[in-house]
PDB file of N, CA and C in Angstrom:
ATOM      1  N   MET A   1       1.016  -8.278  -0.113  1.00  0.00           N
ATOM      2  CA  MET A   1       1.395  -6.902  -0.414  1.00  0.00           C
ATOM      3  C   MET A   1       0.159  -6.118  -0.846  1.00  0.00           C
ATOM      4  N   HIS A   2       0.145  -4.889  -0.421  1.00  0.00           N
ATOM      5  CA  HIS A   2      -0.942  -3.995  -0.795  1.00  0.00           C
ATOM      6  C   HIS A   2      -0.512  -3.138  -1.975  1.00  0.00           C
ATOM      7  N   ALA A   3      -1.494  -2.774  -2.788  1.00  0.00           N
ATOM      8  CA  ALA A   3      -1.201  -1.843  -3.870  1.00  0.00           C
ATOM      9  C   ALA A   3      -0.884  -0.489  -3.248  1.00  0.00           C
ATOM     10  N   PRO A   4      -0.006   0.290  -3.878  1.00  0.00           N
ATOM     11  CA  PRO A   4       0.303   1.600  -3.309  1.00  0.00           C
ATOM     12  C   PRO A   4      -0.963   2.462  -3.286  1.00  0.00           C
ATOM     13  N   THR A   5      -1.142   3.170  -2.206  1.00  0.00           N
ATOM     14  CA  THR A   5      -2.315   4.025  -2.114  1.00  0.00           C
ATOM     15  C   THR A   5      -2.022   5.363  -2.769  1.00  0.00           C
ATOM     16  N   GLU A   6      -3.059   5.938  -3.310  1.00  0.00           N
ATOM     17  CA  GLU A   6      -2.925   7.230  -3.962  1.00  0.00           C
ATOM     18  C   GLU A   6      -2.697   8.307  -2.907  1.00  0.00           C
ATOM     19  N   PRO A   7      -1.835   9.280  -3.193  1.00  0.00           N
ATOM     20  CA  PRO A   7      -1.630  10.337  -2.211  1.00  0.00           C
ATOM     21  C   PRO A   7      -2.924  11.098  -1.949  1.00  0.00           C
ATOM     22  N   ALA A   8      -3.058  11.614  -0.740  1.00  0.00           N
ATOM     23  CA  ALA A   8      -4.258  12.357  -0.370  1.00  0.00           C
ATOM     24  C   ALA A   8      -4.131  13.834  -0.701  1.00  0.00           C
ATOM     25  N   ARG A   9      -2.922  14.239  -1.113  1.00  0.00           N
ATOM     26  CA  ARG A   9      -2.701  15.653  -1.410  1.00  0.00           C
ATOM     27  C   ARG A   9      -1.670  15.768  -2.512  1.00  0.00           C
ATOM     28  N   LEU A  10      -1.981  16.532  -3.537  1.00  0.00           N
ATOM     29  CA  LEU A  10      -1.057  16.756  -4.649  1.00  0.00           C
ATOM     30  C   LEU A  10      -0.833  18.256  -4.777  1.00  0.00           C
ATOM     31  N   ARG A  11       0.412  18.637  -5.088  1.00  0.00           N
ATOM     32  CA  ARG A  11       0.772  20.057  -5.113  1.00  0.00           C
ATOM     33  C   ARG A  11       1.757  20.295  -6.240  1.00  0.00           C
ATOM     34  N   ASP A  12       1.474  21.295  -7.080  1.00  0.00           N
ATOM     35  CA  ASP A  12       2.358  21.623  -8.198  1.00  0.00           C
ATOM     36  C   ASP A  12       2.349  23.114  -8.476  1.00  0.00           C
ATOM     37  N   GLN A  13       3.488  23.592  -8.978  1.00  0.00           N
ATOM     38  CA  GLN A  13       3.579  24.976  -9.434  1.00  0.00           C
ATOM     39  C   GLN A  13       3.140  25.042 -10.886  1.00  0.00           C
ATOM     40  N   VAL A  14       2.493  26.157 -11.235  1.00  0.00           N
ATOM     41  CA  VAL A  14       2.015  26.340 -12.594  1.00  0.00           C
ATOM     42  C   VAL A  14       1.964  27.835 -12.904  1.00  0.00           C
ATOM     43  N   LEU A  15       2.240  28.180 -14.152  1.00  0.00           N
ATOM     44  CA  LEU A  15       2.080  29.560 -14.606  1.00  0.00           C
ATOM     45  C   LEU A  15       0.684  29.669 -15.190  1.00  0.00           C
ATOM     46  N   VAL A  16      -0.135  30.492 -14.595  1.00  0.00           N
ATOM     47  CA  VAL A  16      -1.526  30.612 -15.025  1.00  0.00           C
ATOM     48  C   VAL A  16      -1.598  31.267 -16.401  1.00  0.00           C
ATOM     49  N   GLY A  17      -2.561  30.823 -17.209  1.00  0.00           N
ATOM     50  CA  GLY A  17      -2.732  31.364 -18.555  1.00  0.00           C
ATOM     51  C   GLY A  17      -3.431  32.718 -18.559  1.00  0.00           C
ATOM     52  N   PRO A  18      -3.564  33.309 -19.746  1.00  0.00           N
ATOM     53  CA  PRO A  18      -4.210  34.611 -19.874  1.00  0.00           C
ATOM     54  C   PRO A  18      -5.623  34.588 -19.281  1.00  0.00           C
ATOM     55  N   GLY A  19      -5.932  35.574 -18.480  1.00  0.00           N
ATOM     56  CA  GLY A  19      -7.253  35.641 -17.860  1.00  0.00           C
ATOM     57  C   GLY A  19      -7.265  35.060 -16.461  1.00  0.00           C
ATOM     58  N   GLY A  20      -6.166  34.426 -16.040  1.00  0.00           N
ATOM     59  CA  GLY A  20      -5.997  34.000 -14.668  1.00  0.00           C
ATOM     60  C   GLY A  20      -6.879  32.873 -14.192  1.00  0.00           C
ATOM     61  N   ALA A  21      -6.910  32.736 -12.864  1.00  0.00           N
ATOM     62  CA  ALA A  21      -7.708  31.707 -12.189  1.00  0.00           C
ATOM     63  C   ALA A  21      -8.643  32.409 -11.210  1.00  0.00           C
ATOM     64  N   MET A  22      -9.896  31.972 -11.143  1.00  0.00           N
ATOM     65  CA  MET A  22     -10.909  32.607 -10.300  1.00  0.00           C
ATOM     66  C   MET A  22     -10.888  32.013  -8.897  1.00  0.00           C
ATOM     67  N   THR A  23     -10.848  32.894  -7.899  1.00  0.00           N
ATOM     68  CA  THR A  23     -10.894  32.453  -6.508  1.00  0.00           C
ATOM     69  C   THR A  23     -12.156  32.987  -5.843  1.00  0.00           C
ATOM     70  N   ASP A  24     -12.581  32.297  -4.788  1.00  0.00           N
ATOM     71  CA  ASP A  24     -13.754  32.746  -4.042  1.00  0.00           C
ATOM     72  C   ASP A  24     -13.455  34.017  -3.255  1.00  0.00           C
ATOM     73  N   GLN A  25     -12.229  34.165  -2.791  1.00  0.00           N
ATOM     74  CA  GLN A  25     -11.907  35.241  -1.874  1.00  0.00           C
ATOM     75  C   GLN A  25     -11.552  36.569  -2.546  1.00  0.00           C
ATOM     76  N   VAL A  26     -10.761  36.522  -3.620  1.00  0.00           N
ATOM     77  CA  VAL A  26     -10.234  37.772  -4.187  1.00  0.00           C
ATOM     78  C   VAL A  26     -10.466  37.904  -5.691  1.00  0.00           C
ATOM     79  N   GLY A  27     -11.279  37.042  -6.277  1.00  0.00           N
ATOM     80  CA  GLY A  27     -11.499  37.109  -7.715  1.00  0.00           C
ATOM     81  C   GLY A  27     -10.341  36.481  -8.472  1.00  0.00           C
ATOM     82  N   VAL A  28     -10.036  37.042  -9.628  1.00  0.00           N
ATOM     83  CA  VAL A  28      -9.026  36.461 -10.514  1.00  0.00           C
ATOM     84  C   VAL A  28      -7.620  36.782 -10.007  1.00  0.00           C
ATOM     85  N   ILE A  29      -6.759  35.751  -9.998  1.00  0.00           N
ATOM     86  CA  ILE A  29      -5.344  35.967  -9.725  1.00  0.00           C
ATOM     87  C   ILE A  29      -4.529  35.432 -10.905  1.00  0.00           C
ATOM     88  N   THR A  30      -3.353  36.012 -11.077  1.00  0.00           N
ATOM     89  CA  THR A  30      -2.499  35.650 -12.209  1.00  0.00           C
ATOM     90  C   THR A  30      -1.081  35.447 -11.717  1.00  0.00           C
ATOM     91  N   GLY A  31      -0.245  34.916 -12.579  1.00  0.00           N
ATOM     92  CA  GLY A  31       1.176  34.779 -12.269  1.00  0.00           C
ATOM     93  C   GLY A  31       1.589  33.352 -12.002  1.00  0.00           C
ATOM     94  N   ASP A  32       2.654  33.222 -11.217  1.00  0.00           N
ATOM     95  CA  ASP A  32       3.221  31.922 -10.868  1.00  0.00           C
ATOM     96  C   ASP A  32       2.483  31.432  -9.626  1.00  0.00           C
ATOM     97  N   LEU A  33       1.702  30.371  -9.778  1.00  0.00           N
ATOM     98  CA  LEU A  33       0.846  29.884  -8.702  1.00  0.00           C
ATOM     99  C   LEU A  33       1.214  28.464  -8.299  1.00  0.00           C
ATOM    100  N   THR A  34       0.838  28.112  -7.084  1.00  0.00           N
ATOM    101  CA  THR A  34       0.937  26.737  -6.609  1.00  0.00           C
ATOM    102  C   THR A  34      -0.478  26.231  -6.393  1.00  0.00           C
ATOM    103  N   VAL A  35      -0.790  25.106  -7.011  1.00  0.00           N
ATOM    104  CA  VAL A  35      -2.122  24.497  -6.942  1.00  0.00           C
ATOM    105  C   VAL A  35      -2.040  23.259  -6.058  1.00  0.00           C
ATOM    106  N   THR A  36      -2.965  23.152  -5.107  1.00  0.00           N
ATOM    107  CA  THR A  36      -3.019  21.997  -4.217  1.00  0.00           C
ATOM    108  C   THR A  36      -4.399  21.363  -4.313  1.00  0.00           C
ATOM    109  N   THR A  37      -4.432  20.061  -4.561  1.00  0.00           N
ATOM    110  CA  THR A  37      -5.674  19.288  -4.612  1.00  0.00           C
ATOM    111  C   THR A  37      -5.610  18.289  -3.464  1.00  0.00           C
ATOM    112  N   THR A  38      -6.587  18.386  -2.549  1.00  0.00           N
ATOM    113  CA  THR A  38      -6.567  17.581  -1.328  1.00  0.00           C
ATOM    114  C   THR A  38      -7.831  16.746  -1.220  1.00  0.00           C
ATOM    115  N   ALA A  39      -7.665  15.430  -1.084  1.00  0.00           N
ATOM    116  CA  ALA A  39      -8.808  14.519  -0.926  1.00  0.00           C
ATOM    117  C   ALA A  39      -9.418  14.682   0.460  1.00  0.00           C
ATOM    118  N   ARG A  40     -10.748  14.625   0.520  1.00  0.00           N
ATOM    119  CA  ARG A  40     -11.474  14.638   1.778  1.00  0.00           C
ATOM    120  C   ARG A  40     -12.099  13.263   1.997  1.00  0.00           C
ATOM    121  N   PRO A  41     -12.467  12.925   3.224  1.00  0.00           N
ATOM    122  CA  PRO A  41     -13.060  11.609   3.499  1.00  0.00           C
ATOM    123  C   PRO A  41     -14.409  11.384   2.816  1.00  0.00           C
ATOM    124  N   ASP A  42     -15.088  12.470   2.398  1.00  0.00           N
ATOM    125  CA  ASP A  42     -16.404  12.349   1.770  1.00  0.00           C
ATOM    126  C   ASP A  42     -16.329  12.212   0.249  1.00  0.00           C
ATOM    127  N   ASN A  43     -15.145  11.837  -0.273  1.00  0.00           N
ATOM    128  CA  ASN A  43     -14.910  11.631  -1.708  1.00  0.00           C
ATOM    129  C   ASN A  43     -15.010  12.927  -2.518  1.00  0.00           C
ATOM    130  N   LEU A  44     -14.795  14.048  -1.847  1.00  0.00           N
ATOM    131  CA  LEU A  44     -14.662  15.327  -2.525  1.00  0.00           C
ATOM    132  C   LEU A  44     -13.212  15.767  -2.400  1.00  0.00           C
ATOM    133  N   ALA A  45     -12.821  16.720  -3.237  1.00  0.00           N
ATOM    134  CA  ALA A  45     -11.473  17.268  -3.168  1.00  0.00           C
ATOM    135  C   ALA A  45     -11.555  18.783  -3.046  1.00  0.00           C
ATOM    136  N   ASP A  46     -10.756  19.322  -2.135  1.00  0.00           N
ATOM    137  CA  ASP A  46     -10.599  20.768  -2.008  1.00  0.00           C
ATOM    138  C   ASP A  46      -9.468  21.195  -2.930  1.00  0.00           C
ATOM    139  N   ILE A  47      -9.677  22.293  -3.653  1.00  0.00           N
ATOM    140  CA  ILE A  47      -8.650  22.808  -4.555  1.00  0.00           C
ATOM    141  C   ILE A  47      -8.319  24.228  -4.118  1.00  0.00           C
ATOM    142  N   THR A  48      -7.057  24.429  -3.764  1.00  0.00           N
ATOM    143  CA  THR A  48      -6.615  25.758  -3.357  1.00  0.00           C
ATOM    144  C   THR A  48      -5.465  26.204  -4.244  1.00  0.00           C
ATOM    145  N   ILE A  49      -5.314  27.528  -4.336  1.00  0.00           N
ATOM    146  CA  ILE A  49      -4.202  28.096  -5.090  1.00  0.00           C
ATOM    147  C   ILE A  49      -3.592  29.212  -4.259  1.00  0.00           C
ATOM    148  N   GLU A  50      -2.335  29.441  -4.510  1.00  0.00           N
ATOM    149  CA  GLU A  50      -1.632  30.519  -3.821  1.00  0.00           C
ATOM    150  C   GLU A  50      -0.547  31.032  -4.750  1.00  0.00           C
ATOM    151  N   TYR A  51      -0.151  32.274  -4.521  1.00  0.00           N
ATOM    152  CA  TYR A  51       1.023  32.759  -5.238  1.00  0.00           C
ATOM    153  C   TYR A  51       2.202  31.941  -4.738  1.00  0.00           C
ATOM    154  N   THR A  52       3.008  31.417  -5.644  1.00  0.00           N
ATOM    155  CA  THR A  52       4.140  30.583  -5.253  1.00  0.00           C
ATOM    156  C   THR A  52       5.041  31.364  -4.308  1.00  0.00           C
ATOM    157  N   GLY A  53       5.308  30.754  -3.161  1.00  0.00           N
ATOM    158  CA  GLY A  53       6.147  31.383  -2.154  1.00  0.00           C
ATOM    159  C   GLY A  53       5.367  32.148  -1.101  1.00  0.00           C
ATOM    160  N   ALA A  54       4.088  32.377  -1.335  1.00  0.00           N
ATOM    161  CA  ALA A  54       3.256  33.097  -0.369  1.00  0.00           C
ATOM    162  C   ALA A  54       2.628  32.111   0.611  1.00  0.00           C
ATOM    163  N   GLU A  55       2.118  32.622   1.709  1.00  0.00           N
ATOM    164  CA  GLU A  55       1.496  31.754   2.703  1.00  0.00           C
ATOM    165  C   GLU A  55      -0.027  31.757   2.618  1.00  0.00           C
ATOM    166  N   GLU A  56      -0.606  32.807   2.054  1.00  0.00           N
ATOM    167  CA  GLU A  56      -2.062  32.897   1.991  1.00  0.00           C
ATOM    168  C   GLU A  56      -2.599  32.074   0.829  1.00  0.00           C
ATOM    169  N   THR A  57      -3.565  31.207   1.129  1.00  0.00           N
ATOM    170  CA  THR A  57      -4.160  30.372   0.088  1.00  0.00           C
ATOM    171  C   THR A  57      -5.583  30.834  -0.200  1.00  0.00           C
ATOM    172  N   TYR A  58      -6.026  30.547  -1.408  1.00  0.00           N
ATOM    173  CA  TYR A  58      -7.364  30.906  -1.862  1.00  0.00           C
ATOM    174  C   TYR A  58      -8.053  29.661  -2.403  1.00  0.00           C
ATOM    175  N   THR A  59      -9.354  29.627  -2.288  1.00  0.00           N
ATOM    176  CA  THR A  59     -10.141  28.518  -2.819  1.00  0.00           C
ATOM    177  C   THR A  59     -10.411  28.761  -4.294  1.00  0.00           C
ATOM    178  N   LEU A  60     -10.087  27.778  -5.140  1.00  0.00           N
ATOM    179  CA  LEU A  60     -10.415  27.880  -6.560  1.00  0.00           C
ATOM    180  C   LEU A  60     -11.929  27.774  -6.678  1.00  0.00           C
ATOM    181  N   THR A  61     -12.547  28.737  -7.343  1.00  0.00           N
ATOM    182  CA  THR A  61     -13.996  28.769  -7.465  1.00  0.00           C
ATOM    183  C   THR A  61     -14.509  27.446  -8.022  1.00  0.00           C
ATOM    184  N   GLY A  62     -15.551  26.917  -7.384  1.00  0.00           N
ATOM    185  CA  GLY A  62     -16.123  25.634  -7.769  1.00  0.00           C
ATOM    186  C   GLY A  62     -15.698  24.493  -6.866  1.00  0.00           C
ATOM    187  N   SER A  63     -14.678  24.734  -6.040  1.00  0.00           N
ATOM    188  CA  SER A  63     -14.198  23.723  -5.093  1.00  0.00           C
ATOM    189  C   SER A  63     -15.083  23.748  -3.856  1.00  0.00           C
ATOM    190  N   PRO A  64     -15.334  22.584  -3.251  1.00  0.00           N
ATOM    191  CA  PRO A  64     -14.823  21.247  -3.534  1.00  0.00           C
ATOM    192  C   PRO A  64     -15.559  20.591  -4.702  1.00  0.00           C
ATOM    193  N   VAL A  65     -14.912  19.596  -5.286  1.00  0.00           N
ATOM    194  CA  VAL A  65     -15.486  18.845  -6.403  1.00  0.00           C
ATOM    195  C   VAL A  65     -15.385  17.353  -6.115  1.00  0.00           C
ATOM    196  N   PRO A  66     -16.268  16.553  -6.719  1.00  0.00           N
ATOM    197  CA  PRO A  66     -16.174  15.098  -6.538  1.00  0.00           C
ATOM    198  C   PRO A  66     -14.879  14.545  -7.139  1.00  0.00           C
ATOM    199  N   ILE A  67     -14.281  13.597  -6.460  1.00  0.00           N
ATOM    200  CA  ILE A  67     -13.104  12.918  -7.005  1.00  0.00           C
ATOM    201  C   ILE A  67     -13.608  11.901  -8.026  1.00  0.00           C
ATOM    202  N   PRO A  68     -13.141  11.977  -9.268  1.00  0.00           N
ATOM    203  CA  PRO A  68     -13.634  11.062 -10.298  1.00  0.00           C
ATOM    204  C   PRO A  68     -13.151   9.634 -10.065  1.00  0.00           C
ATOM    205  N   ALA A  69     -13.756   8.707 -10.774  1.00  0.00           N
ATOM    206  CA  ALA A  69     -13.365   7.295 -10.673  1.00  0.00           C
ATOM    207  C   ALA A  69     -11.892   7.102 -11.015  1.00  0.00           C
ATOM    208  N   ALA A  70     -11.352   7.969 -11.884  1.00  0.00           N
ATOM    209  CA  ALA A  70      -9.943   7.874 -12.279  1.00  0.00           C
ATOM    210  C   ALA A  70      -8.996   8.291 -11.157  1.00  0.00           C
ATOM    211  N   GLY A  71      -9.518   8.919 -10.106  1.00  0.00           N
ATOM    212  CA  GLY A  71      -8.702   9.228  -8.944  1.00  0.00           C
ATOM    213  C   GLY A  71      -8.273  10.675  -8.818  1.00  0.00           C
ATOM    214  N   LEU A  72      -7.637  10.954  -7.678  1.00  0.00           N
ATOM    215  CA  LEU A  72      -7.204  12.311  -7.343  1.00  0.00           C
ATOM    216  C   LEU A  72      -6.155  12.832  -8.317  1.00  0.00           C
ATOM    217  N   GLN A  73      -5.244  11.965  -8.760  1.00  0.00           N
ATOM    218  CA  GLN A  73      -4.205  12.419  -9.696  1.00  0.00           C
ATOM    219  C   GLN A  73      -4.817  12.896 -11.006  1.00  0.00           C
ATOM    220  N   ALA A  74      -5.838  12.189 -11.490  1.00  0.00           N
ATOM    221  CA  ALA A  74      -6.508  12.604 -12.729  1.00  0.00           C
ATOM    222  C   ALA A  74      -7.191  13.959 -12.534  1.00  0.00           C
ATOM    223  N   LEU A  75      -7.828  14.141 -11.399  1.00  0.00           N
ATOM    224  CA  LEU A  75      -8.473  15.422 -11.102  1.00  0.00           C
ATOM    225  C   LEU A  75      -7.429  16.529 -11.034  1.00  0.00           C
ATOM    226  N   HIS A  76      -6.333  16.295 -10.345  1.00  0.00           N
ATOM    227  CA  HIS A  76      -5.279  17.302 -10.203  1.00  0.00           C
ATOM    228  C   HIS A  76      -4.730  17.707 -11.570  1.00  0.00           C
ATOM    229  N   LYS A  77      -4.508  16.731 -12.442  1.00  0.00           N
ATOM    230  CA  LYS A  77      -4.026  17.046 -13.798  1.00  0.00           C
ATOM    231  C   LYS A  77      -5.034  17.913 -14.544  1.00  0.00           C
ATOM    232  N   GLU A  78      -6.319  17.626 -14.366  1.00  0.00           N
ATOM    233  CA  GLU A  78      -7.367  18.417 -15.016  1.00  0.00           C
ATOM    234  C   GLU A  78      -7.370  19.854 -14.490  1.00  0.00           C
ATOM    235  N   VAL A  79      -7.188  20.001 -13.186  1.00  0.00           N
ATOM    236  CA  VAL A  79      -7.124  21.329 -12.578  1.00  0.00           C
ATOM    237  C   VAL A  79      -5.914  22.096 -13.117  1.00  0.00           C
ATOM    238  N   LEU A  80      -4.753  21.448 -13.164  1.00  0.00           N
ATOM    239  CA  LEU A  80      -3.553  22.112 -13.681  1.00  0.00           C
ATOM    240  C   LEU A  80      -3.755  22.564 -15.119  1.00  0.00           C
ATOM    241  N   ALA A  81      -4.375  21.733 -15.933  1.00  0.00           N
ATOM    242  CA  ALA A  81      -4.635  22.101 -17.335  1.00  0.00           C
ATOM    243  C   ALA A  81      -5.554  23.313 -17.418  1.00  0.00           C
ATOM    244  N   ALA A  82      -6.573  23.348 -16.572  1.00  0.00           N
ATOM    245  CA  ALA A  82      -7.508  24.478 -16.572  1.00  0.00           C
ATOM    246  C   ALA A  82      -6.802  25.767 -16.158  1.00  0.00           C
ATOM    247  N   VAL A  83      -5.969  25.693 -15.127  1.00  0.00           N
ATOM    248  CA  VAL A  83      -5.254  26.882 -14.667  1.00  0.00           C
ATOM    249  C   VAL A  83      -4.250  27.341 -15.729  1.00  0.00           C
ATOM    250  N   ARG A  84      -3.564  26.410 -16.373  1.00  0.00           N
ATOM    251  CA  ARG A  84      -2.628  26.785 -17.449  1.00  0.00           C
ATOM    252  C   ARG A  84      -3.358  27.482 -18.599  1.00  0.00           C
ATOM    253  N   ALA A  85      -4.600  27.076 -18.846  1.00  0.00           N
ATOM    254  CA  ALA A  85      -5.384  27.676 -19.933  1.00  0.00           C
ATOM    255  C   ALA A  85      -5.870  29.075 -19.558  1.00  0.00           C
ATOM    256  N   GLY A  86      -6.022  29.327 -18.238  1.00  0.00           N
ATOM    257  CA  GLY A  86      -6.468  30.655 -17.803  1.00  0.00           C
ATOM    258  C   GLY A  86      -7.963  30.856 -18.011  1.00  0.00           C
ATOM    259  N   ARG A  87      -8.318  32.013 -18.565  1.00  0.00           N
ATOM    260  CA  ARG A  87      -9.730  32.340 -18.837  1.00  0.00           C
ATOM    261  C   ARG A  87     -10.572  32.254 -17.563  1.00  0.00           C
ATOM    262  N   ALA A  88     -10.072  32.860 -16.460  1.00  0.00           N
ATOM    263  CA  ALA A  88     -10.769  32.820 -15.169  1.00  0.00           C
ATOM    264  C   ALA A  88     -11.085  31.373 -14.790  1.00  0.00           C
ATOM    265  N   ALA A  89     -10.063  30.518 -14.859  1.00  0.00           N
ATOM    266  CA  ALA A  89     -10.198  29.075 -14.612  1.00  0.00           C
ATOM    267  C   ALA A  89     -10.912  28.808 -13.292  1.00  0.00           C
ATOM    268  N   GLN A  90     -11.765  27.786 -13.322  1.00  0.00           N
ATOM    269  CA  GLN A  90     -12.466  27.329 -12.137  1.00  0.00           C
ATOM    270  C   GLN A  90     -12.259  25.822 -12.004  1.00  0.00           C
ATOM    271  N   ALA A  91     -12.677  25.301 -10.866  1.00  0.00           N
ATOM    272  CA  ALA A  91     -12.572  23.855 -10.628  1.00  0.00           C
ATOM    273  C   ALA A  91     -13.414  23.118 -11.674  1.00  0.00           C
ATOM    274  N   PRO A  92     -12.926  21.978 -12.168  1.00  0.00           N
ATOM    275  CA  PRO A  92     -13.708  21.208 -13.144  1.00  0.00           C
ATOM    276  C   PRO A  92     -14.988  20.679 -12.523  1.00  0.00           C
ATOM    277  N   ARG A  93     -16.019  20.592 -13.327  1.00  0.00           N
ATOM    278  CA  ARG A  93     -17.323  20.115 -12.830  1.00  0.00           C
ATOM    279  C   ARG A  93     -17.528  18.669 -13.166  1.00  0.00           C
TER     280      ARG A  93
END
């Protein structure tokens, strides 16, 4: 038996904190957002955000970022915490 593999893509809804989240395309966005963290083959992760229910996605400033030794889920949790905190949140370094 093989150990379960970690998902390559994680997606969650989050209410952004005061000061919003910084995107490369449109600057700061606020409100009810959906955050997606996607693993790439080069051990980096792309982080995108969108208004929940919308189709247009934006790159969270600082993305892509290296996937830490703790894995994609740990990175995704860190991203969600940063977006919840607001303050023009960016991808963790």
